[in-house]
Amino acid sequence: MILMELIMAIAIFGMVALGLMRALSIGAQTAVVGQLELRMLLRLQSTLTEYSKLQRMEEGVFESDPDDLGVITRTEIVKLDKLENADGQALQDMFHVIVRAEYDNFGTKGEMMADTYRYAKLYQTQTGAAAAPAPAGAP
């Protein structure tokens, strides 16, 4: 009888230990995915900022090389022709900047996307700027 109780106790302990190990494994995997997604968001934000602040906007698709995590970003810049404001006025020189990041999510492809709109001449430097006014009291 004691031997039977001992075998039952070991079996129950083994099942509990197995469940606990599985829970710890899933928890660790969830933490890694969370960290990867945070890094992806930062990478998307950085790439979106870089391309949306170019001095000269041009249509096209631009792809980055894979980084140390195997993440590839693909940036698409599209010129918007028929965009109007709330009053129905046509908006000229507007671009849509779309950034997609692809990464390996434990054997499946993960993807995140961020986008923004940008006026083409927003960050252009002025050439032939008007002469600065003379300081007060100058001859």
C-alpha atoms as a PDB file:
ATOM      1  CA  MET A   1       0.000   0.000   0.000  1.00  0.00           C
ATOM      2  CA  ILE A   2       2.838   2.418   0.852  1.00  0.00           C
ATOM      3  CA  LEU A   3       4.501   1.663  -2.466  1.00  0.00           C
ATOM      4  CA  MET A   4       1.259   2.465  -4.309  1.00  0.00           C
ATOM      5  CA  GLU A   5       0.930   5.801  -2.472  1.00  0.00           C
ATOM      6  CA  LEU A   6       4.539   6.649  -3.294  1.00  0.00           C
ATOM      7  CA  ILE A   7       4.013   5.907  -7.000  1.00  0.00           C
ATOM      8  CA  MET A   8       0.838   8.057  -7.029  1.00  0.00           C
ATOM      9  CA  ALA A   9       2.656  10.934  -5.292  1.00  0.00           C
ATOM     10  CA  ILE A  10       5.534  10.798  -7.796  1.00  0.00           C
ATOM     11  CA  ALA A  11       3.057  10.700 -10.712  1.00  0.00           C
ATOM     12  CA  ILE A  12       1.125  13.713  -9.395  1.00  0.00           C
ATOM     13  CA  PHE A  13       4.358  15.610  -8.716  1.00  0.00           C
ATOM     14  CA  GLY A  14       5.558  14.807 -12.266  1.00  0.00           C
ATOM     15  CA  MET A  15       2.341  16.103 -13.851  1.00  0.00           C
ATOM     16  CA  VAL A  16       2.478  19.313 -11.798  1.00  0.00           C
ATOM     17  CA  ALA A  17       6.148  19.817 -12.685  1.00  0.00           C
ATOM     18  CA  LEU A  18       5.420  19.221 -16.384  1.00  0.00           C
ATOM     19  CA  GLY A  19       2.581  21.771 -16.338  1.00  0.00           C
ATOM     20  CA  LEU A  20       4.762  24.286 -14.533  1.00  0.00           C
ATOM     21  CA  MET A  21       7.590  23.863 -17.046  1.00  0.00           C
ATOM     22  CA  ARG A  22       5.162  24.364 -19.933  1.00  0.00           C
ATOM     23  CA  ALA A  23       3.750  27.517 -18.310  1.00  0.00           C
ATOM     24  CA  LEU A  24       7.265  28.908 -17.795  1.00  0.00           C
ATOM     25  CA  SER A  25       8.150  28.137 -21.404  1.00  0.00           C
ATOM     26  CA  ILE A  26       5.047  29.929 -22.708  1.00  0.00           C
ATOM     27  CA  GLY A  27       5.750  32.878 -20.400  1.00  0.00           C
ATOM     28  CA  ALA A  28       9.318  33.179 -21.676  1.00  0.00           C
ATOM     29  CA  GLN A  29       8.167  32.974 -25.297  1.00  0.00           C
ATOM     30  CA  THR A  30       5.551  35.681 -24.660  1.00  0.00           C
ATOM     31  CA  ALA A  31       8.220  37.942 -23.136  1.00  0.00           C
ATOM     32  CA  VAL A  32      10.472  37.459 -26.182  1.00  0.00           C
ATOM     33  CA  VAL A  33       7.593  38.250 -28.563  1.00  0.00           C
ATOM     34  CA  GLY A  34       6.727  41.355 -26.539  1.00  0.00           C
ATOM     35  CA  GLN A  35      10.318  42.560 -26.695  1.00  0.00           C
ATOM     36  CA  LEU A  36      10.481  41.858 -30.432  1.00  0.00           C
ATOM     37  CA  GLU A  37       7.263  43.787 -31.047  1.00  0.00           C
ATOM     38  CA  LEU A  38       8.577  46.749 -29.059  1.00  0.00           C
ATOM     39  CA  ARG A  39      11.781  46.740 -31.122  1.00  0.00           C
ATOM     40  CA  MET A  40       9.659  46.522 -34.269  1.00  0.00           C
ATOM     41  CA  LEU A  41       7.598  49.543 -33.230  1.00  0.00           C
ATOM     42  CA  LEU A  42      10.753  51.545 -32.563  1.00  0.00           C
ATOM     43  CA  ARG A  43      12.197  50.468 -35.926  1.00  0.00           C
ATOM     44  CA  LEU A  44       8.971  51.441 -37.717  1.00  0.00           C
ATOM     45  CA  GLN A  45       8.896  54.804 -35.985  1.00  0.00           C
ATOM     46  CA  SER A  46      12.534  55.475 -36.849  1.00  0.00           C
ATOM     47  CA  THR A  47      12.119  54.504 -40.514  1.00  0.00           C
ATOM     48  CA  LEU A  48       8.877  56.471 -40.850  1.00  0.00           C
ATOM     49  CA  THR A  49      10.527  59.553 -39.367  1.00  0.00           C
ATOM     50  CA  GLU A  50      13.542  59.170 -41.667  1.00  0.00           C
ATOM     51  CA  TYR A  51      11.505  58.930 -44.869  1.00  0.00           C
ATOM     52  CA  SER A  52       8.842  61.480 -43.926  1.00  0.00           C
ATOM     53  CA  LYS A  53      11.484  64.155 -43.288  1.00  0.00           C
ATOM     54  CA  LEU A  54      13.365  63.844 -46.568  1.00  0.00           C
ATOM     55  CA  GLN A  55      14.090  67.201 -48.171  1.00  0.00           C
ATOM     56  CA  ARG A  56      12.990  65.959 -51.577  1.00  0.00           C
ATOM     57  CA  MET A  57      10.076  63.549 -51.779  1.00  0.00           C
ATOM     58  CA  GLU A  58      10.021  61.064 -54.659  1.00  0.00           C
ATOM     59  CA  GLU A  59       7.644  58.233 -55.406  1.00  0.00           C
ATOM     60  CA  GLY A  60       9.057  54.745 -55.100  1.00  0.00           C
ATOM     61  CA  VAL A  61       9.587  51.638 -53.020  1.00  0.00           C
ATOM     62  CA  PHE A  62      12.681  51.395 -50.829  1.00  0.00           C
ATOM     63  CA  GLU A  63      13.738  48.195 -49.048  1.00  0.00           C
ATOM     64  CA  SER A  64      16.290  47.885 -46.255  1.00  0.00           C
ATOM     65  CA  ASP A  65      18.768  45.092 -45.741  1.00  0.00           C
ATOM     66  CA  PRO A  66      17.918  42.656 -42.926  1.00  0.00           C
ATOM     67  CA  ASP A  67      19.183  43.804 -39.523  1.00  0.00           C
ATOM     68  CA  ASP A  68      20.647  41.585 -36.785  1.00  0.00           C
ATOM     69  CA  LEU A  69      17.155  40.243 -35.980  1.00  0.00           C
ATOM     70  CA  GLY A  70      16.344  39.537 -39.644  1.00  0.00           C
ATOM     71  CA  VAL A  71      13.895  42.445 -39.853  1.00  0.00           C
ATOM     72  CA  ILE A  72      13.325  43.937 -43.292  1.00  0.00           C
ATOM     73  CA  THR A  73      11.591  47.290 -43.747  1.00  0.00           C
ATOM     74  CA  ARG A  74       9.876  48.214 -46.990  1.00  0.00           C
ATOM     75  CA  THR A  75       8.989  51.881 -47.467  1.00  0.00           C
ATOM     76  CA  GLU A  76       6.546  52.973 -50.146  1.00  0.00           C
ATOM     77  CA  ILE A  77       6.077  56.640 -51.060  1.00  0.00           C
ATOM     78  CA  VAL A  78       2.976  57.399 -53.136  1.00  0.00           C
ATOM     79  CA  LYS A  79       2.030  60.805 -54.555  1.00  0.00           C
ATOM     80  CA  LEU A  80      -1.605  61.676 -53.889  1.00  0.00           C
ATOM     81  CA  ASP A  81      -3.280  63.457 -56.800  1.00  0.00           C
ATOM     82  CA  LYS A  82      -6.924  63.807 -55.845  1.00  0.00           C
ATOM     83  CA  LEU A  83      -6.733  64.767 -52.196  1.00  0.00           C
ATOM     84  CA  GLU A  84      -9.035  67.463 -50.835  1.00  0.00           C
ATOM     85  CA  ASN A  85      -9.367  69.162 -47.468  1.00  0.00           C
ATOM     86  CA  ALA A  86     -12.630  69.416 -45.515  1.00  0.00           C
ATOM     87  CA  ASP A  87     -13.639  72.517 -47.544  1.00  0.00           C
ATOM     88  CA  GLY A  88     -13.229  70.678 -50.846  1.00  0.00           C
ATOM     89  CA  GLN A  89     -10.037  72.485 -51.868  1.00  0.00           C
ATOM     90  CA  ALA A  90      -7.474  70.415 -53.724  1.00  0.00           C
ATOM     91  CA  LEU A  91      -4.257  69.731 -51.802  1.00  0.00           C
ATOM     92  CA  GLN A  92      -1.155  69.838 -53.994  1.00  0.00           C
ATOM     93  CA  ASP A  93       2.149  67.973 -53.554  1.00  0.00           C
ATOM     94  CA  MET A  94       0.907  65.534 -50.907  1.00  0.00           C
ATOM     95  CA  PHE A  95       2.554  62.155 -50.372  1.00  0.00           C
ATOM     96  CA  HIS A  96       1.555  59.028 -48.460  1.00  0.00           C
ATOM     97  CA  VAL A  97       4.521  57.345 -46.728  1.00  0.00           C
ATOM     98  CA  ILE A  98       3.896  53.694 -45.800  1.00  0.00           C
ATOM     99  CA  VAL A  99       6.448  51.587 -43.895  1.00  0.00           C
ATOM    100  CA  ARG A 100       6.054  47.822 -43.478  1.00  0.00           C
ATOM    101  CA  ALA A 101       8.351  45.680 -41.372  1.00  0.00           C
ATOM    102  CA  GLU A 102       8.535  41.905 -41.746  1.00  0.00           C
ATOM    103  CA  TYR A 103      10.072  39.652 -39.119  1.00  0.00           C
ATOM    104  CA  ASP A 104      10.222  36.019 -38.065  1.00  0.00           C
ATOM    105  CA  ASN A 105       7.763  35.318 -35.248  1.00  0.00           C
ATOM    106  CA  PHE A 106       8.812  31.812 -34.124  1.00  0.00           C
ATOM    107  CA  GLY A 107       8.443  30.251 -37.549  1.00  0.00           C
ATOM    108  CA  THR A 108       5.609  32.433 -38.840  1.00  0.00           C
ATOM    109  CA  LYS A 109       5.979  35.729 -40.668  1.00  0.00           C
ATOM    110  CA  GLY A 110       5.061  38.747 -38.579  1.00  0.00           C
ATOM    111  CA  GLU A 111       4.269  42.122 -40.127  1.00  0.00           C
ATOM    112  CA  MET A 112       3.718  45.599 -38.751  1.00  0.00           C
ATOM    113  CA  MET A 113       2.813  48.767 -40.619  1.00  0.00           C
ATOM    114  CA  ALA A 114       2.947  52.510 -39.992  1.00  0.00           C
ATOM    115  CA  ASP A 115       2.044  55.380 -42.296  1.00  0.00           C
ATOM    116  CA  THR A 116       1.779  59.144 -42.493  1.00  0.00           C
ATOM    117  CA  TYR A 117       0.977  61.925 -44.944  1.00  0.00           C
ATOM    118  CA  ARG A 118       3.442  64.617 -45.893  1.00  0.00           C
ATOM    119  CA  TYR A 119       3.446  67.887 -47.843  1.00  0.00           C
ATOM    120  CA  ALA A 120       6.358  67.665 -50.305  1.00  0.00           C
ATOM    121  CA  LYS A 121       7.805  71.119 -49.653  1.00  0.00           C
ATOM    122  CA  LEU A 122       7.645  70.930 -45.860  1.00  0.00           C
ATOM    123  CA  TYR A 123      11.375  70.341 -45.259  1.00  0.00           C
ATOM    124  CA  GLN A 124      12.835  71.951 -48.385  1.00  0.00           C
ATOM    125  CA  THR A 125      15.418  74.644 -47.837  1.00  0.00           C
ATOM    126  CA  GLN A 126      14.752  78.039 -49.371  1.00  0.00           C
ATOM    127  CA  THR A 127      17.041  79.053 -52.232  1.00  0.00           C
ATOM    128  CA  GLY A 128      17.490  82.718 -53.002  1.00  0.00           C
ATOM    129  CA  ALA A 129      16.093  83.797 -49.662  1.00  0.00           C
ATOM    130  CA  ALA A 130      15.140  87.460 -49.282  1.00  0.00           C
ATOM    131  CA  ALA A 131      17.769  89.721 -47.803  1.00  0.00           C
ATOM    132  CA  ALA A 132      17.593  90.059 -44.059  1.00  0.00           C
ATOM    133  CA  PRO A 133      16.312  93.423 -42.829  1.00  0.00           C
ATOM    134  CA  ALA A 134      18.953  95.834 -41.569  1.00  0.00           C
ATOM    135  CA  PRO A 135      19.222  96.104 -37.784  1.00  0.00           C
ATOM    136  CA  ALA A 136      17.579  99.099 -36.143  1.00  0.00           C
ATOM    137  CA  GLY A 137      19.795 102.165 -36.145  1.00  0.00           C
ATOM    138  CA  ALA A 138      21.952 101.015 -39.075  1.00  0.00           C
ATOM    139  CA  PRO A 139      22.786 103.617 -41.765  1.00  0.00           C
END
